[in-house]
Amino acid sequence: MKKVIITDNAPAPIGPYNQAIVAGNFIFVSGQIPFHPGTGELIIDDIEVAAHLVMENIGAILEEAKADFSHIVKSTIFLTDMQNFPKVNEVYGSYFTDKFPARETVEVSGLPKGVNIEISVIALKP
């Protein structure tokens, strides 16, 4: 069985997918981009602001699934420029206190809507 997770506090899907799916003991959160769900603003020019917004969107989805950042076991970060890695890494790390999740960061040639960052996560269901 799978359960769809959707919240107005994170960007609505722009294609045939859901914000997250709960399957068994796992929450699979789709890749989030720096899109502000309330204003519709897309952050492209400031990687630190963009990274914070992505993490806030992930947090809103996890909250809807009754979880939080401490439940994340795996993250994937996509960047269009690996030169942004140090700044993104600092922002990303500020959302965790210990027992950091497994993670990979990859540079890609492009992301949806021309953004420069996207992050997806897998979390344990509390």
PDB file of N, CA and C in Angstrom:
ATOM      1  N   MET A   1       0.836  -1.181   0.000  1.00  0.00           N
ATOM      2  CA  MET A   1       0.000   0.000   0.000  1.00  0.00           C
ATOM      3  C   MET A   1       0.878   1.239   0.000  1.00  0.00           C
ATOM      4  N   LYS A   2       0.394   2.256  -0.669  1.00  0.00           N
ATOM      5  CA  LYS A   2       1.085   3.525  -0.631  1.00  0.00           C
ATOM      6  C   LYS A   2       0.080   4.629  -0.348  1.00  0.00           C
ATOM      7  N   LYS A   3       0.576   5.653   0.329  1.00  0.00           N
ATOM      8  CA  LYS A   3      -0.266   6.788   0.691  1.00  0.00           C
ATOM      9  C   LYS A   3       0.357   8.045   0.103  1.00  0.00           C
ATOM     10  N   VAL A   4      -0.461   8.858  -0.544  1.00  0.00           N
ATOM     11  CA  VAL A   4      -0.006  10.112  -1.130  1.00  0.00           C
ATOM     12  C   VAL A   4       0.044  11.185  -0.045  1.00  0.00           C
ATOM     13  N   ILE A   5       1.137  11.941  -0.017  1.00  0.00           N
ATOM     14  CA  ILE A   5       1.284  13.081   0.892  1.00  0.00           C
ATOM     15  C   ILE A   5       1.261  14.343   0.036  1.00  0.00           C
ATOM     16  N   ILE A   6       0.401  15.280   0.406  1.00  0.00           N
ATOM     17  CA  ILE A   6       0.329  16.554  -0.304  1.00  0.00           C
ATOM     18  C   ILE A   6      -0.025  17.653   0.681  1.00  0.00           C
ATOM     19  N   THR A   7       0.638  18.797   0.526  1.00  0.00           N
ATOM     20  CA  THR A   7       0.386  19.937   1.387  1.00  0.00           C
ATOM     21  C   THR A   7       0.424  21.214   0.566  1.00  0.00           C
ATOM     22  N   ASP A   8      -0.355  22.192   0.957  1.00  0.00           N
ATOM     23  CA  ASP A   8      -0.316  23.504   0.315  1.00  0.00           C
ATOM     24  C   ASP A   8       0.905  24.303   0.753  1.00  0.00           C
ATOM     25  N   ASN A   9       1.628  23.818   1.753  1.00  0.00           N
ATOM     26  CA  ASN A   9       2.799  24.517   2.279  1.00  0.00           C
ATOM     27  C   ASN A   9       4.086  24.210   1.528  1.00  0.00           C
ATOM     28  N   ALA A  10       3.971  23.479   0.428  1.00  0.00           N
ATOM     29  CA  ALA A  10       5.102  23.179  -0.449  1.00  0.00           C
ATOM     30  C   ALA A  10       4.597  23.292  -1.886  1.00  0.00           C
ATOM     31  N   PRO A  11       5.501  23.447  -2.848  1.00  0.00           N
ATOM     32  CA  PRO A  11       5.069  23.602  -4.237  1.00  0.00           C
ATOM     33  C   PRO A  11       4.247  22.416  -4.734  1.00  0.00           C
ATOM     34  N   ALA A  12       3.201  22.726  -5.465  1.00  0.00           N
ATOM     35  CA  ALA A  12       2.389  21.683  -6.090  1.00  0.00           C
ATOM     36  C   ALA A  12       3.218  21.011  -7.184  1.00  0.00           C
ATOM     37  N   PRO A  13       3.007  19.737  -7.421  1.00  0.00           N
ATOM     38  CA  PRO A  13       3.727  19.050  -8.488  1.00  0.00           C
ATOM     39  C   PRO A  13       3.496  19.732  -9.839  1.00  0.00           C
ATOM     40  N   ILE A  14       4.547  19.752 -10.666  1.00  0.00           N
ATOM     41  CA  ILE A  14       4.428  20.346 -11.995  1.00  0.00           C
ATOM     42  C   ILE A  14       4.367  19.275 -13.079  1.00  0.00           C
ATOM     43  N   GLY A  15       4.075  18.058 -12.676  1.00  0.00           N
ATOM     44  CA  GLY A  15       4.003  16.939 -13.606  1.00  0.00           C
ATOM     45  C   GLY A  15       3.265  15.781 -12.968  1.00  0.00           C
ATOM     46  N   PRO A  16       3.346  14.612 -13.576  1.00  0.00           N
ATOM     47  CA  PRO A  16       2.629  13.441 -13.067  1.00  0.00           C
ATOM     48  C   PRO A  16       3.372  12.754 -11.916  1.00  0.00           C
ATOM     49  N   TYR A  17       3.418  13.420 -10.788  1.00  0.00           N
ATOM     50  CA  TYR A  17       4.029  12.872  -9.575  1.00  0.00           C
ATOM     51  C   TYR A  17       3.382  13.535  -8.365  1.00  0.00           C
ATOM     52  N   ASN A  18       3.708  13.064  -7.180  1.00  0.00           N
ATOM     53  CA  ASN A  18       3.211  13.637  -5.930  1.00  0.00           C
ATOM     54  C   ASN A  18       4.367  14.215  -5.137  1.00  0.00           C
ATOM     55  N   GLN A  19       4.041  15.073  -4.178  1.00  0.00           N
ATOM     56  CA  GLN A  19       5.080  15.648  -3.324  1.00  0.00           C
ATOM     57  C   GLN A  19       5.820  14.552  -2.577  1.00  0.00           C
ATOM     58  N   ALA A  20       5.071  13.581  -2.096  1.00  0.00           N
ATOM     59  CA  ALA A  20       5.689  12.453  -1.389  1.00  0.00           C
ATOM     60  C   ALA A  20       4.752  11.263  -1.403  1.00  0.00           C
ATOM     61  N   ILE A  21       5.355  10.117  -1.186  1.00  0.00           N
ATOM     62  CA  ILE A  21       4.618   8.857  -1.059  1.00  0.00           C
ATOM     63  C   ILE A  21       5.119   8.151   0.193  1.00  0.00           C
ATOM     64  N   VAL A  22       4.188   7.679   1.009  1.00  0.00           N
ATOM     65  CA  VAL A  22       4.531   6.812   2.129  1.00  0.00           C
ATOM     66  C   VAL A  22       4.298   5.384   1.652  1.00  0.00           C
ATOM     67  N   ALA A  23       5.335   4.566   1.756  1.00  0.00           N
ATOM     68  CA  ALA A  23       5.237   3.156   1.378  1.00  0.00           C
ATOM     69  C   ALA A  23       5.944   2.357   2.466  1.00  0.00           C
ATOM     70  N   GLY A  24       5.197   1.492   3.116  1.00  0.00           N
ATOM     71  CA  GLY A  24       5.776   0.744   4.226  1.00  0.00           C
ATOM     72  C   GLY A  24       6.231   1.706   5.305  1.00  0.00           C
ATOM     73  N   ASN A  25       7.474   1.566   5.729  1.00  0.00           N
ATOM     74  CA  ASN A  25       8.025   2.429   6.780  1.00  0.00           C
ATOM     75  C   ASN A  25       8.811   3.613   6.233  1.00  0.00           C
ATOM     76  N   PHE A  26       8.657   3.897   4.942  1.00  0.00           N
ATOM     77  CA  PHE A  26       9.444   4.951   4.317  1.00  0.00           C
ATOM     78  C   PHE A  26       8.573   6.063   3.743  1.00  0.00           C
ATOM     79  N   ILE A  27       9.141   7.270   3.746  1.00  0.00           N
ATOM     80  CA  ILE A  27       8.531   8.431   3.103  1.00  0.00           C
ATOM     81  C   ILE A  27       9.485   8.839   1.989  1.00  0.00           C
ATOM     82  N   PHE A  28       9.020   8.810   0.760  1.00  0.00           N
ATOM     83  CA  PHE A  28       9.815   9.182  -0.400  1.00  0.00           C
ATOM     84  C   PHE A  28       9.372  10.578  -0.840  1.00  0.00           C
ATOM     85  N   VAL A  29      10.218  11.576  -0.622  1.00  0.00           N
ATOM     86  CA  VAL A  29       9.880  12.959  -0.967  1.00  0.00           C
ATOM     87  C   VAL A  29      10.476  13.273  -2.333  1.00  0.00           C
ATOM     88  N   SER A  30       9.616  13.697  -3.246  1.00  0.00           N
ATOM     89  CA  SER A  30      10.067  14.069  -4.584  1.00  0.00           C
ATOM     90  C   SER A  30      11.029  15.241  -4.517  1.00  0.00           C
ATOM     91  N   GLY A  31      11.838  15.376  -5.546  1.00  0.00           N
ATOM     92  CA  GLY A  31      12.781  16.475  -5.626  1.00  0.00           C
ATOM     93  C   GLY A  31      12.077  17.819  -5.490  1.00  0.00           C
ATOM     94  N   GLN A  32      12.608  18.642  -4.614  1.00  0.00           N
ATOM     95  CA  GLN A  32      12.047  19.976  -4.378  1.00  0.00           C
ATOM     96  C   GLN A  32      12.988  21.029  -4.943  1.00  0.00           C
ATOM     97  N   ILE A  33      12.379  22.038  -5.545  1.00  0.00           N
ATOM     98  CA  ILE A  33      13.133  23.139  -6.122  1.00  0.00           C
ATOM     99  C   ILE A  33      12.826  24.418  -5.333  1.00  0.00           C
ATOM    100  N   PRO A  34      13.590  25.491  -5.538  1.00  0.00           N
ATOM    101  CA  PRO A  34      13.379  26.727  -4.776  1.00  0.00           C
ATOM    102  C   PRO A  34      12.205  27.551  -5.303  1.00  0.00           C
ATOM    103  N   PHE A  35      11.027  27.017  -5.109  1.00  0.00           N
ATOM    104  CA  PHE A  35       9.778  27.648  -5.529  1.00  0.00           C
ATOM    105  C   PHE A  35       8.973  27.930  -4.273  1.00  0.00           C
ATOM    106  N   HIS A  36       8.604  29.179  -4.069  1.00  0.00           N
ATOM    107  CA  HIS A  36       7.848  29.552  -2.872  1.00  0.00           C
ATOM    108  C   HIS A  36       6.372  29.245  -3.116  1.00  0.00           C
ATOM    109  N   PRO A  37       5.785  28.322  -2.329  1.00  0.00           N
ATOM    110  CA  PRO A  37       4.392  27.913  -2.574  1.00  0.00           C
ATOM    111  C   PRO A  37       3.370  29.026  -2.352  1.00  0.00           C
ATOM    112  N   GLY A  38       3.671  29.984  -1.498  1.00  0.00           N
ATOM    113  CA  GLY A  38       2.714  31.052  -1.201  1.00  0.00           C
ATOM    114  C   GLY A  38       2.711  32.166  -2.228  1.00  0.00           C
ATOM    115  N   THR A  39       3.910  32.526  -2.697  1.00  0.00           N
ATOM    116  CA  THR A  39       4.028  33.672  -3.600  1.00  0.00           C
ATOM    117  C   THR A  39       4.226  33.267  -5.057  1.00  0.00           C
ATOM    118  N   GLY A  40       4.637  32.034  -5.281  1.00  0.00           N
ATOM    119  CA  GLY A  40       4.938  31.597  -6.640  1.00  0.00           C
ATOM    120  C   GLY A  40       6.301  32.057  -7.111  1.00  0.00           C
ATOM    121  N   GLU A  41       7.083  32.670  -6.202  1.00  0.00           N
ATOM    122  CA  GLU A  41       8.407  33.166  -6.565  1.00  0.00           C
ATOM    123  C   GLU A  41       9.381  31.999  -6.733  1.00  0.00           C
ATOM    124  N   LEU A  42      10.177  32.082  -7.773  1.00  0.00           N
ATOM    125  CA  LEU A  42      11.207  31.095  -8.060  1.00  0.00           C
ATOM    126  C   LEU A  42      12.553  31.760  -7.775  1.00  0.00           C
ATOM    127  N   ILE A  43      13.368  31.151  -6.921  1.00  0.00           N
ATOM    128  CA  ILE A  43      14.663  31.726  -6.541  1.00  0.00           C
ATOM    129  C   ILE A  43      15.747  31.104  -7.420  1.00  0.00           C
ATOM    130  N   ILE A  44      16.386  31.933  -8.214  1.00  0.00           N
ATOM    131  CA  ILE A  44      17.426  31.444  -9.109  1.00  0.00           C
ATOM    132  C   ILE A  44      18.767  32.120  -8.851  1.00  0.00           C
ATOM    133  N   ASP A  45      18.778  33.352  -8.388  1.00  0.00           N
ATOM    134  CA  ASP A  45      20.002  34.136  -8.334  1.00  0.00           C
ATOM    135  C   ASP A  45      20.793  34.050  -7.035  1.00  0.00           C
ATOM    136  N   ASP A  46      20.273  33.438  -5.991  1.00  0.00           N
ATOM    137  CA  ASP A  46      20.988  33.354  -4.708  1.00  0.00           C
ATOM    138  C   ASP A  46      20.929  31.910  -4.213  1.00  0.00           C
ATOM    139  N   ILE A  47      22.040  31.186  -4.326  1.00  0.00           N
ATOM    140  CA  ILE A  47      22.049  29.759  -4.011  1.00  0.00           C
ATOM    141  C   ILE A  47      21.747  29.480  -2.553  1.00  0.00           C
ATOM    142  N   GLU A  48      22.168  30.363  -1.642  1.00  0.00           N
ATOM    143  CA  GLU A  48      21.890  30.119  -0.227  1.00  0.00           C
ATOM    144  C   GLU A  48      20.403  30.284   0.077  1.00  0.00           C
ATOM    145  N   VAL A  49      19.779  31.320  -0.450  1.00  0.00           N
ATOM    146  CA  VAL A  49      18.337  31.515  -0.273  1.00  0.00           C
ATOM    147  C   VAL A  49      17.587  30.358  -0.927  1.00  0.00           C
ATOM    148  N   ALA A  50      18.046  29.954  -2.100  1.00  0.00           N
ATOM    149  CA  ALA A  50      17.408  28.843  -2.816  1.00  0.00           C
ATOM    150  C   ALA A  50      17.495  27.555  -1.995  1.00  0.00           C
ATOM    151  N   ALA A  51      18.672  27.273  -1.436  1.00  0.00           N
ATOM    152  CA  ALA A  51      18.853  26.048  -0.647  1.00  0.00           C
ATOM    153  C   ALA A  51      17.961  26.056   0.586  1.00  0.00           C
ATOM    154  N   HIS A  52      17.863  27.202   1.261  1.00  0.00           N
ATOM    155  CA  HIS A  52      16.972  27.298   2.424  1.00  0.00           C
ATOM    156  C   HIS A  52      15.525  27.030   2.013  1.00  0.00           C
ATOM    157  N   LEU A  53      15.084  27.599   0.897  1.00  0.00           N
ATOM    158  CA  LEU A  53      13.704  27.410   0.458  1.00  0.00           C
ATOM    159  C   LEU A  53      13.434  25.949   0.100  1.00  0.00           C
ATOM    160  N   VAL A  54      14.381  25.309  -0.546  1.00  0.00           N
ATOM    161  CA  VAL A  54      14.234  23.880  -0.854  1.00  0.00           C
ATOM    162  C   VAL A  54      14.080  23.080   0.440  1.00  0.00           C
ATOM    163  N   MET A  55      14.928  23.353   1.414  1.00  0.00           N
ATOM    164  CA  MET A  55      14.860  22.623   2.676  1.00  0.00           C
ATOM    165  C   MET A  55      13.553  22.923   3.414  1.00  0.00           C
ATOM    166  N   GLU A  56      13.071  24.146   3.356  1.00  0.00           N
ATOM    167  CA  GLU A  56      11.791  24.482   3.986  1.00  0.00           C
ATOM    168  C   GLU A  56      10.648  23.737   3.293  1.00  0.00           C
ATOM    169  N   ASN A  57      10.703  23.620   1.982  1.00  0.00           N
ATOM    170  CA  ASN A  57       9.679  22.865   1.251  1.00  0.00           C
ATOM    171  C   ASN A  57       9.705  21.393   1.660  1.00  0.00           C
ATOM    172  N   ILE A  58      10.896  20.845   1.781  1.00  0.00           N
ATOM    173  CA  ILE A  58      11.022  19.457   2.244  1.00  0.00           C
ATOM    174  C   ILE A  58      10.457  19.327   3.650  1.00  0.00           C
ATOM    175  N   GLY A  59      10.779  20.270   4.519  1.00  0.00           N
ATOM    176  CA  GLY A  59      10.274  20.247   5.887  1.00  0.00           C
ATOM    177  C   GLY A  59       8.758  20.279   5.951  1.00  0.00           C
ATOM    178  N   ALA A  60       8.122  21.079   5.082  1.00  0.00           N
ATOM    179  CA  ALA A  60       6.660  21.159   5.066  1.00  0.00           C
ATOM    180  C   ALA A  60       6.039  19.830   4.644  1.00  0.00           C
ATOM    181  N   ILE A  61       6.665  19.175   3.691  1.00  0.00           N
ATOM    182  CA  ILE A  61       6.158  17.870   3.235  1.00  0.00           C
ATOM    183  C   ILE A  61       6.344  16.825   4.330  1.00  0.00           C
ATOM    184  N   LEU A  62       7.512  16.823   4.956  1.00  0.00           N
ATOM    185  CA  LEU A  62       7.746  15.880   6.057  1.00  0.00           C
ATOM    186  C   LEU A  62       6.755  16.114   7.190  1.00  0.00           C
ATOM    187  N   GLU A  63       6.497  17.379   7.504  1.00  0.00           N
ATOM    188  CA  GLU A  63       5.537  17.705   8.567  1.00  0.00           C
ATOM    189  C   GLU A  63       4.151  17.146   8.238  1.00  0.00           C
ATOM    190  N   GLU A  64       3.746  17.257   6.992  1.00  0.00           N
ATOM    191  CA  GLU A  64       2.445  16.707   6.575  1.00  0.00           C
ATOM    192  C   GLU A  64       2.413  15.193   6.765  1.00  0.00           C
ATOM    193  N   ALA A  65       3.582  14.559   6.641  1.00  0.00           N
ATOM    194  CA  ALA A  65       3.686  13.101   6.830  1.00  0.00           C
ATOM    195  C   ALA A  65       3.980  12.749   8.287  1.00  0.00           C
ATOM    196  N   LYS A  66       3.914  13.751   9.183  1.00  0.00           N
ATOM    197  CA  LYS A  66       4.151  13.560  10.621  1.00  0.00           C
ATOM    198  C   LYS A  66       5.596  13.185  10.917  1.00  0.00           C
ATOM    199  N   ALA A  67       6.521  13.736  10.124  1.00  0.00           N
ATOM    200  CA  ALA A  67       7.948  13.468  10.302  1.00  0.00           C
ATOM    201  C   ALA A  67       8.699  14.801  10.324  1.00  0.00           C
ATOM    202  N   ASP A  68      10.017  14.715  10.489  1.00  0.00           N
ATOM    203  CA  ASP A  68      10.851  15.916  10.435  1.00  0.00           C
ATOM    204  C   ASP A  68      12.230  15.524   9.906  1.00  0.00           C
ATOM    205  N   PHE A  69      13.157  16.476   9.904  1.00  0.00           N
ATOM    206  CA  PHE A  69      14.479  16.230   9.335  1.00  0.00           C
ATOM    207  C   PHE A  69      15.229  15.101  10.032  1.00  0.00           C
ATOM    208  N   SER A  70      14.942  14.854  11.298  1.00  0.00           N
ATOM    209  CA  SER A  70      15.637  13.780  12.009  1.00  0.00           C
ATOM    210  C   SER A  70      15.270  12.401  11.473  1.00  0.00           C
ATOM    211  N   HIS A  71      14.195  12.310  10.702  1.00  0.00           N
ATOM    212  CA  HIS A  71      13.761  11.033  10.143  1.00  0.00           C
ATOM    213  C   HIS A  71      14.387  10.736   8.777  1.00  0.00           C
ATOM    214  N   ILE A  72      15.086  11.717   8.196  1.00  0.00           N
ATOM    215  CA  ILE A  72      15.680  11.516   6.871  1.00  0.00           C
ATOM    216  C   ILE A  72      16.848  10.544   6.972  1.00  0.00           C
ATOM    217  N   VAL A  73      16.845   9.547   6.071  1.00  0.00           N
ATOM    218  CA  VAL A  73      17.933   8.571   6.040  1.00  0.00           C
ATOM    219  C   VAL A  73      18.786   8.701   4.775  1.00  0.00           C
ATOM    220  N   LYS A  74      18.270   9.367   3.757  1.00  0.00           N
ATOM    221  CA  LYS A  74      18.993   9.479   2.473  1.00  0.00           C
ATOM    222  C   LYS A  74      18.576  10.755   1.772  1.00  0.00           C
ATOM    223  N   SER A  75      19.550  11.478   1.234  1.00  0.00           N
ATOM    224  CA  SER A  75      19.302  12.700   0.468  1.00  0.00           C
ATOM    225  C   SER A  75      20.066  12.633  -0.845  1.00  0.00           C
ATOM    226  N   THR A  76      19.492  13.258  -1.858  1.00  0.00           N
ATOM    227  CA  THR A  76      20.196  13.459  -3.119  1.00  0.00           C
ATOM    228  C   THR A  76      20.090  14.933  -3.466  1.00  0.00           C
ATOM    229  N   ILE A  77      21.234  15.564  -3.669  1.00  0.00           N
ATOM    230  CA  ILE A  77      21.286  16.974  -4.034  1.00  0.00           C
ATOM    231  C   ILE A  77      21.752  17.071  -5.485  1.00  0.00           C
ATOM    232  N   PHE A  78      20.993  17.802  -6.276  1.00  0.00           N
ATOM    233  CA  PHE A  78      21.354  18.059  -7.663  1.00  0.00           C
ATOM    234  C   PHE A  78      21.708  19.538  -7.787  1.00  0.00           C
ATOM    235  N   LEU A  79      22.881  19.821  -8.343  1.00  0.00           N
ATOM    236  CA  LEU A  79      23.324  21.194  -8.565  1.00  0.00           C
ATOM    237  C   LEU A  79      23.704  21.376 -10.028  1.00  0.00           C
ATOM    238  N   THR A  80      23.432  22.553 -10.564  1.00  0.00           N
ATOM    239  CA  THR A  80      23.872  22.835 -11.930  1.00  0.00           C
ATOM    240  C   THR A  80      25.294  23.368 -11.961  1.00  0.00           C
ATOM    241  N   ASP A  81      25.848  23.695 -10.798  1.00  0.00           N
ATOM    242  CA  ASP A  81      27.213  24.186 -10.715  1.00  0.00           C
ATOM    243  C   ASP A  81      27.824  23.719  -9.395  1.00  0.00           C
ATOM    244  N   MET A  82      28.791  22.817  -9.461  1.00  0.00           N
ATOM    245  CA  MET A  82      29.400  22.270  -8.254  1.00  0.00           C
ATOM    246  C   MET A  82      30.168  23.335  -7.467  1.00  0.00           C
ATOM    247  N   GLN A  83      30.435  24.483  -8.071  1.00  0.00           N
ATOM    248  CA  GLN A  83      31.053  25.593  -7.334  1.00  0.00           C
ATOM    249  C   GLN A  83      30.146  26.059  -6.195  1.00  0.00           C
ATOM    250  N   ASN A  84      28.841  25.779  -6.288  1.00  0.00           N
ATOM    251  CA  ASN A  84      27.886  26.153  -5.243  1.00  0.00           C
ATOM    252  C   ASN A  84      27.870  25.165  -4.076  1.00  0.00           C
ATOM    253  N   PHE A  85      28.605  24.064  -4.203  1.00  0.00           N
ATOM    254  CA  PHE A  85      28.549  23.023  -3.177  1.00  0.00           C
ATOM    255  C   PHE A  85      28.861  23.521  -1.765  1.00  0.00           C
ATOM    256  N   PRO A  86      29.917  24.288  -1.536  1.00  0.00           N
ATOM    257  CA  PRO A  86      30.204  24.710  -0.155  1.00  0.00           C
ATOM    258  C   PRO A  86      29.053  25.483   0.493  1.00  0.00           C
ATOM    259  N   LYS A  87      28.446  26.389  -0.237  1.00  0.00           N
ATOM    260  CA  LYS A  87      27.333  27.167   0.322  1.00  0.00           C
ATOM    261  C   LYS A  87      26.115  26.287   0.572  1.00  0.00           C
ATOM    262  N   VAL A  88      25.807  25.410  -0.374  1.00  0.00           N
ATOM    263  CA  VAL A  88      24.666  24.498  -0.217  1.00  0.00           C
ATOM    264  C   VAL A  88      24.919  23.554   0.950  1.00  0.00           C
ATOM    265  N   ASN A  89      26.123  23.040   1.056  1.00  0.00           N
ATOM    266  CA  ASN A  89      26.474  22.116   2.126  1.00  0.00           C
ATOM    267  C   ASN A  89      26.278  22.767   3.491  1.00  0.00           C
ATOM    268  N   GLU A  90      26.653  24.034   3.606  1.00  0.00           N
ATOM    269  CA  GLU A  90      26.485  24.751   4.870  1.00  0.00           C
ATOM    270  C   GLU A  90      25.004  24.919   5.217  1.00  0.00           C
ATOM    271  N   VAL A  91      24.202  25.322   4.240  1.00  0.00           N
ATOM    272  CA  VAL A  91      22.756  25.481   4.479  1.00  0.00           C
ATOM    273  C   VAL A  91      22.140  24.135   4.819  1.00  0.00           C
ATOM    274  N   TYR A  92      22.412  23.129   4.008  1.00  0.00           N
ATOM    275  CA  TYR A  92      21.869  21.781   4.216  1.00  0.00           C
ATOM    276  C   TYR A  92      22.201  21.279   5.621  1.00  0.00           C
ATOM    277  N   GLY A  93      23.451  21.405   6.018  1.00  0.00           N
ATOM    278  CA  GLY A  93      23.891  20.920   7.320  1.00  0.00           C
ATOM    279  C   GLY A  93      23.202  21.597   8.488  1.00  0.00           C
ATOM    280  N   SER A  94      22.744  22.831   8.291  1.00  0.00           N
ATOM    281  CA  SER A  94      22.093  23.563   9.379  1.00  0.00           C
ATOM    282  C   SER A  94      20.720  22.994   9.743  1.00  0.00           C
ATOM    283  N   TYR A  95      20.193  22.098   8.929  1.00  0.00           N
ATOM    284  CA  TYR A  95      18.881  21.500   9.194  1.00  0.00           C
ATOM    285  C   TYR A  95      18.978  20.190   9.970  1.00  0.00           C
ATOM    286  N   PHE A  96      20.193  19.771  10.303  1.00  0.00           N
ATOM    287  CA  PHE A  96      20.416  18.525  11.031  1.00  0.00           C
ATOM    288  C   PHE A  96      21.266  18.797  12.263  1.00  0.00           C
ATOM    289  N   THR A  97      21.063  17.998  13.303  1.00  0.00           N
ATOM    290  CA  THR A  97      21.860  18.173  14.513  1.00  0.00           C
ATOM    291  C   THR A  97      22.879  17.052  14.691  1.00  0.00           C
ATOM    292  N   ASP A  98      22.528  15.858  14.341  1.00  0.00           N
ATOM    293  CA  ASP A  98      23.445  14.728  14.411  1.00  0.00           C
ATOM    294  C   ASP A  98      22.867  13.596  13.578  1.00  0.00           C
ATOM    295  N   LYS A  99      23.570  12.504  13.526  1.00  0.00           N
ATOM    296  CA  LYS A  99      23.131  11.342  12.744  1.00  0.00           C
ATOM    297  C   LYS A  99      22.697  11.779  11.345  1.00  0.00           C
ATOM    298  N   PHE A 100      23.616  12.462  10.661  1.00  0.00           N
ATOM    299  CA  PHE A 100      23.334  12.959   9.324  1.00  0.00           C
ATOM    300  C   PHE A 100      22.927  11.816   8.393  1.00  0.00           C
ATOM    301  N   PRO A 101      22.041  12.094   7.447  1.00  0.00           N
ATOM    302  CA  PRO A 101      21.638  11.047   6.503  1.00  0.00           C
ATOM    303  C   PRO A 101      22.756  10.714   5.513  1.00  0.00           C
ATOM    304  N   ALA A 102      22.617   9.570   4.878  1.00  0.00           N
ATOM    305  CA  ALA A 102      23.478   9.262   3.735  1.00  0.00           C
ATOM    306  C   ALA A 102      23.126  10.270   2.637  1.00  0.00           C
ATOM    307  N   ARG A 103      24.099  10.566   1.758  1.00  0.00           N
ATOM    308  CA  ARG A 103      23.829  11.608   0.768  1.00  0.00           C
ATOM    309  C   ARG A 103      24.791  11.495  -0.397  1.00  0.00           C
ATOM    310  N   GLU A 104      24.304  11.933  -1.560  1.00  0.00           N
ATOM    311  CA  GLU A 104      25.194  12.194  -2.670  1.00  0.00           C
ATOM    312  C   GLU A 104      24.804  13.540  -3.261  1.00  0.00           C
ATOM    313  N   THR A 105      25.802  14.185  -3.847  1.00  0.00           N
ATOM    314  CA  THR A 105      25.580  15.461  -4.527  1.00  0.00           C
ATOM    315  C   THR A 105      26.139  15.308  -5.928  1.00  0.00           C
ATOM    316  N   VAL A 106      25.317  15.629  -6.913  1.00  0.00           N
ATOM    317  CA  VAL A 106      25.747  15.482  -8.303  1.00  0.00           C
ATOM    318  C   VAL A 106      25.504  16.777  -9.069  1.00  0.00           C
ATOM    319  N   GLU A 107      26.401  17.041 -10.005  1.00  0.00           N
ATOM    320  CA  GLU A 107      26.224  18.183 -10.897  1.00  0.00           C
ATOM    321  C   GLU A 107      25.482  17.700 -12.140  1.00  0.00           C
ATOM    322  N   VAL A 108      24.464  18.463 -12.524  1.00  0.00           N
ATOM    323  CA  VAL A 108      23.651  18.124 -13.690  1.00  0.00           C
ATOM    324  C   VAL A 108      23.663  19.298 -14.664  1.00  0.00           C
ATOM    325  N   SER A 109      23.316  19.023 -15.919  1.00  0.00           N
ATOM    326  CA  SER A 109      23.355  20.084 -16.931  1.00  0.00           C
ATOM    327  C   SER A 109      22.148  21.008 -16.865  1.00  0.00           C
ATOM    328  N   GLY A 110      21.062  20.558 -16.260  1.00  0.00           N
ATOM    329  CA  GLY A 110      19.883  21.403 -16.159  1.00  0.00           C
ATOM    330  C   GLY A 110      18.878  20.819 -15.195  1.00  0.00           C
ATOM    331  N   LEU A 111      18.019  21.689 -14.670  1.00  0.00           N
ATOM    332  CA  LEU A 111      16.966  21.287 -13.739  1.00  0.00           C
ATOM    333  C   LEU A 111      15.659  21.957 -14.148  1.00  0.00           C
ATOM    334  N   PRO A 112      14.511  21.449 -13.650  1.00  0.00           N
ATOM    335  CA  PRO A 112      13.222  22.031 -14.019  1.00  0.00           C
ATOM    336  C   PRO A 112      13.168  23.540 -13.744  1.00  0.00           C
ATOM    337  N   LYS A 113      12.525  24.244 -14.641  1.00  0.00           N
ATOM    338  CA  LYS A 113      12.285  25.687 -14.523  1.00  0.00           C
ATOM    339  C   LYS A 113      13.568  26.512 -14.462  1.00  0.00           C
ATOM    340  N   GLY A 114      14.701  25.926 -14.869  1.00  0.00           N
ATOM    341  CA  GLY A 114      15.957  26.644 -14.910  1.00  0.00           C
ATOM    342  C   GLY A 114      16.588  26.917 -13.552  1.00  0.00           C
ATOM    343  N   VAL A 115      16.144  26.190 -12.506  1.00  0.00           N
ATOM    344  CA  VAL A 115      16.714  26.402 -11.165  1.00  0.00           C
ATOM    345  C   VAL A 115      18.114  25.810 -11.098  1.00  0.00           C
ATOM    346  N   ASN A 116      18.835  26.143 -10.024  1.00  0.00           N
ATOM    347  CA  ASN A 116      20.197  25.650  -9.882  1.00  0.00           C
ATOM    348  C   ASN A 116      20.365  24.613  -8.775  1.00  0.00           C
ATOM    349  N   ILE A 117      19.245  24.225  -8.131  1.00  0.00           N
ATOM    350  CA  ILE A 117      19.302  23.225  -7.066  1.00  0.00           C
ATOM    351  C   ILE A 117      17.988  22.460  -6.991  1.00  0.00           C
ATOM    352  N   GLU A 118      18.093  21.180  -6.697  1.00  0.00           N
ATOM    353  CA  GLU A 118      16.935  20.324  -6.399  1.00  0.00           C
ATOM    354  C   GLU A 118      17.418  19.288  -5.399  1.00  0.00           C
ATOM    355  N   ILE A 119      16.558  18.994  -4.416  1.00  0.00           N
ATOM    356  CA  ILE A 119      16.909  17.988  -3.403  1.00  0.00           C
ATOM    357  C   ILE A 119      15.726  17.040  -3.207  1.00  0.00           C
ATOM    358  N   SER A 120      16.025  15.746  -3.184  1.00  0.00           N
ATOM    359  CA  SER A 120      15.022  14.742  -2.836  1.00  0.00           C
ATOM    360  C   SER A 120      15.512  13.991  -1.608  1.00  0.00           C
ATOM    361  N   VAL A 121      14.573  13.443  -0.829  1.00  0.00           N
ATOM    362  CA  VAL A 121      14.957  12.714   0.381  1.00  0.00           C
ATOM    363  C   VAL A 121      14.099  11.480   0.565  1.00  0.00           C
ATOM    364  N   ILE A 122      14.641  10.568   1.342  1.00  0.00           N
ATOM    365  CA  ILE A 122      13.917   9.396   1.825  1.00  0.00           C
ATOM    366  C   ILE A 122      13.992   9.448   3.339  1.00  0.00           C
ATOM    367  N   ALA A 123      12.850   9.311   3.992  1.00  0.00           N
ATOM    368  CA  ALA A 123      12.793   9.378   5.451  1.00  0.00           C
ATOM    369  C   ALA A 123      12.095   8.148   6.004  1.00  0.00           C
ATOM    370  N   LEU A 124      12.378   7.850   7.258  1.00  0.00           N
ATOM    371  CA  LEU A 124      11.674   6.810   7.962  1.00  0.00           C
ATOM    372  C   LEU A 124      10.365   7.370   8.509  1.00  0.00           C
ATOM    373  N   LYS A 125       9.330   6.591   8.424  1.00  0.00           N
ATOM    374  CA  LYS A 125       8.043   6.984   8.990  1.00  0.00           C
ATOM    375  C   LYS A 125       8.137   6.861  10.511  1.00  0.00           C
ATOM    376  N   PRO A 126       7.772   7.937  11.224  1.00  0.00           N
ATOM    377  CA  PRO A 126       7.852   7.862  12.697  1.00  0.00           C
ATOM    378  C   PRO A 126       6.862   6.854  13.277  1.00  0.00           C
TER     379      PRO A 126
END
